[in-house]
N, C-alpha and C. Protein backbone atom coordinates (compact mmCIF):
# COMPACT_ATOMS: atom_id res chain seq x y z
N MET A 1 -83.51 27.18 75.99
CA MET A 1 -82.71 26.85 77.15
C MET A 1 -81.98 25.52 76.98
N ARG A 2 -82.64 24.56 76.33
CA ARG A 2 -82.02 23.26 76.13
C ARG A 2 -80.78 23.36 75.24
N TRP A 3 -80.87 24.20 74.19
CA TRP A 3 -79.73 24.37 73.28
C TRP A 3 -78.56 25.03 73.98
N LEU A 4 -78.84 25.90 74.93
CA LEU A 4 -77.78 26.55 75.70
C LEU A 4 -77.03 25.52 76.53
N ALA A 5 -77.76 24.58 77.11
CA ALA A 5 -77.13 23.51 77.88
C ALA A 5 -76.28 22.62 76.99
N VAL A 6 -76.79 22.29 75.81
CA VAL A 6 -76.03 21.47 74.86
C VAL A 6 -74.76 22.19 74.42
N LEU A 7 -74.89 23.47 74.15
CA LEU A 7 -73.74 24.27 73.74
C LEU A 7 -72.68 24.34 74.86
N ALA A 8 -73.13 24.52 76.09
CA ALA A 8 -72.20 24.56 77.23
C ALA A 8 -71.50 23.22 77.40
N TYR A 9 -72.26 22.13 77.32
CA TYR A 9 -71.70 20.78 77.43
C TYR A 9 -70.67 20.54 76.34
N THR A 10 -71.01 20.91 75.12
CA THR A 10 -70.10 20.73 73.99
C THR A 10 -68.81 21.53 74.18
N GLY A 11 -68.93 22.76 74.64
CA GLY A 11 -67.76 23.59 74.88
C GLY A 11 -66.85 23.02 75.95
N VAL A 12 -67.43 22.51 77.02
CA VAL A 12 -66.64 21.93 78.11
C VAL A 12 -65.92 20.67 77.64
N VAL A 13 -66.63 19.81 76.91
CA VAL A 13 -66.02 18.59 76.40
C VAL A 13 -64.86 18.92 75.45
N PHE A 14 -65.09 19.88 74.56
CA PHE A 14 -64.07 20.27 73.59
C PHE A 14 -62.83 20.83 74.30
N ALA A 15 -63.04 21.78 75.21
CA ALA A 15 -61.92 22.42 75.91
C ALA A 15 -61.15 21.41 76.75
N PHE A 16 -61.87 20.57 77.49
CA PHE A 16 -61.21 19.57 78.33
C PHE A 16 -60.38 18.61 77.49
N GLY A 17 -60.95 18.15 76.39
CA GLY A 17 -60.22 17.24 75.52
C GLY A 17 -58.96 17.86 74.94
N ALA A 18 -59.06 19.10 74.50
CA ALA A 18 -57.89 19.77 73.91
C ALA A 18 -56.79 19.99 74.93
N VAL A 19 -57.16 20.46 76.10
CA VAL A 19 -56.16 20.75 77.14
C VAL A 19 -55.49 19.47 77.63
N VAL A 20 -56.28 18.44 77.88
CA VAL A 20 -55.70 17.18 78.35
C VAL A 20 -54.79 16.58 77.29
N TRP A 21 -55.23 16.57 76.05
CA TRP A 21 -54.41 15.99 74.98
C TRP A 21 -53.11 16.77 74.82
N HIS A 22 -53.16 18.08 74.99
CA HIS A 22 -51.96 18.91 74.86
C HIS A 22 -51.01 18.72 76.04
N TRP A 23 -51.53 18.81 77.25
CA TRP A 23 -50.66 18.74 78.44
C TRP A 23 -50.25 17.33 78.81
N VAL A 24 -51.18 16.40 78.83
CA VAL A 24 -50.87 15.04 79.27
C VAL A 24 -50.12 14.27 78.20
N MET A 25 -50.59 14.36 76.98
CA MET A 25 -49.97 13.60 75.90
C MET A 25 -48.79 14.33 75.26
N GLY A 26 -48.67 15.62 75.53
CA GLY A 26 -47.55 16.39 74.99
C GLY A 26 -47.65 16.65 73.50
N LYS A 27 -48.85 16.67 72.98
CA LYS A 27 -49.05 16.89 71.54
C LYS A 27 -49.12 18.38 71.23
N SER A 28 -48.99 18.74 69.96
CA SER A 28 -49.10 20.13 69.55
C SER A 28 -50.55 20.58 69.66
N TRP A 29 -50.77 21.90 69.62
CA TRP A 29 -52.14 22.41 69.70
C TRP A 29 -52.96 22.00 68.49
N ASP A 30 -52.32 21.89 67.33
CA ASP A 30 -53.05 21.42 66.14
C ASP A 30 -53.60 20.01 66.35
N ASP A 31 -52.74 19.12 66.85
CA ASP A 31 -53.18 17.76 67.13
C ASP A 31 -54.24 17.74 68.23
N SER A 32 -54.05 18.58 69.23
CA SER A 32 -54.99 18.62 70.35
C SER A 32 -56.37 19.09 69.92
N LEU A 33 -56.41 20.10 69.07
CA LEU A 33 -57.70 20.61 68.60
C LEU A 33 -58.39 19.60 67.69
N SER A 34 -57.61 18.91 66.88
CA SER A 34 -58.19 17.87 66.02
C SER A 34 -58.77 16.73 66.87
N PHE A 35 -58.02 16.32 67.88
CA PHE A 35 -58.50 15.28 68.78
C PHE A 35 -59.77 15.73 69.49
N ALA A 36 -59.76 16.97 70.00
CA ALA A 36 -60.92 17.48 70.73
C ALA A 36 -62.15 17.55 69.83
N LEU A 37 -61.97 17.95 68.60
CA LEU A 37 -63.09 18.02 67.67
C LEU A 37 -63.67 16.63 67.42
N THR A 38 -62.81 15.66 67.20
CA THR A 38 -63.26 14.28 66.98
C THR A 38 -63.98 13.74 68.21
N MET A 39 -63.41 13.96 69.39
CA MET A 39 -64.01 13.48 70.62
C MET A 39 -65.35 14.15 70.89
N THR A 40 -65.43 15.45 70.65
CA THR A 40 -66.66 16.19 70.90
C THR A 40 -67.78 15.73 69.97
N VAL A 41 -67.48 15.61 68.71
CA VAL A 41 -68.49 15.15 67.76
C VAL A 41 -68.96 13.76 68.13
N SER A 42 -68.04 12.89 68.52
CA SER A 42 -68.42 11.53 68.91
C SER A 42 -69.31 11.54 70.15
N ALA A 43 -68.97 12.36 71.13
CA ALA A 43 -69.76 12.42 72.37
C ALA A 43 -71.15 12.99 72.13
N VAL A 44 -71.22 14.07 71.39
CA VAL A 44 -72.51 14.72 71.16
C VAL A 44 -73.40 13.86 70.27
N VAL A 45 -72.84 13.34 69.19
CA VAL A 45 -73.63 12.50 68.29
C VAL A 45 -74.04 11.21 69.00
N GLY A 46 -73.14 10.66 69.79
CA GLY A 46 -73.47 9.44 70.55
C GLY A 46 -74.61 9.67 71.52
N GLN A 47 -74.61 10.79 72.22
CA GLN A 47 -75.70 11.12 73.13
C GLN A 47 -77.01 11.31 72.38
N TRP A 48 -76.94 11.95 71.24
CA TRP A 48 -78.13 12.19 70.43
C TRP A 48 -78.73 10.86 69.95
N ILE A 49 -77.87 9.97 69.47
CA ILE A 49 -78.33 8.67 68.99
C ILE A 49 -78.94 7.86 70.14
N ALA A 50 -78.30 7.90 71.30
CA ALA A 50 -78.83 7.18 72.46
C ALA A 50 -80.20 7.71 72.85
N ALA A 51 -80.40 9.01 72.80
CA ALA A 51 -81.69 9.61 73.14
C ALA A 51 -82.77 9.17 72.14
N VAL A 52 -82.42 9.13 70.87
CA VAL A 52 -83.38 8.69 69.85
C VAL A 52 -83.76 7.23 70.08
N ILE A 53 -82.80 6.39 70.38
CA ILE A 53 -83.07 4.98 70.62
C ILE A 53 -83.98 4.81 71.84
N ARG A 54 -83.68 5.56 72.92
CA ARG A 54 -84.51 5.47 74.12
C ARG A 54 -85.94 5.91 73.85
N ARG A 55 -86.10 6.98 73.05
CA ARG A 55 -87.44 7.47 72.74
C ARG A 55 -88.23 6.46 71.92
N ARG A 56 -87.57 5.82 70.98
CA ARG A 56 -88.26 4.87 70.11
C ARG A 56 -88.51 3.52 70.76
N ALA A 57 -87.75 3.19 71.80
CA ALA A 57 -87.88 1.88 72.42
C ALA A 57 -89.24 1.68 73.07
N GLY A 58 -89.73 2.68 73.76
CA GLY A 58 -91.03 2.56 74.42
C GLY A 58 -90.97 1.74 75.68
N ARG A 59 -92.13 1.64 76.34
CA ARG A 59 -92.21 0.87 77.58
C ARG A 59 -92.16 -0.63 77.28
N GLY A 60 -91.53 -1.36 78.16
CA GLY A 60 -91.50 -2.80 78.03
C GLY A 60 -90.40 -3.35 77.15
N ASP A 61 -89.74 -2.48 76.39
CA ASP A 61 -88.62 -2.94 75.57
C ASP A 61 -87.36 -2.98 76.43
N GLY A 62 -86.68 -4.08 76.44
CA GLY A 62 -85.42 -4.17 77.14
C GLY A 62 -85.61 -4.45 78.56
């Protein structure tokens, strides 16, 4: 179930990024998909790294 939520989140971030980059910035779909891929990987990897840091920090840290 957790992986389904991650997959849904990733899909929404990717689609939103591509559509906004295409419509708002006026870029081609190739550029928009490249931007969305970069943004999605950054968001997902960033969340994963933050979760690992929180788990390792323990109580009383910070």
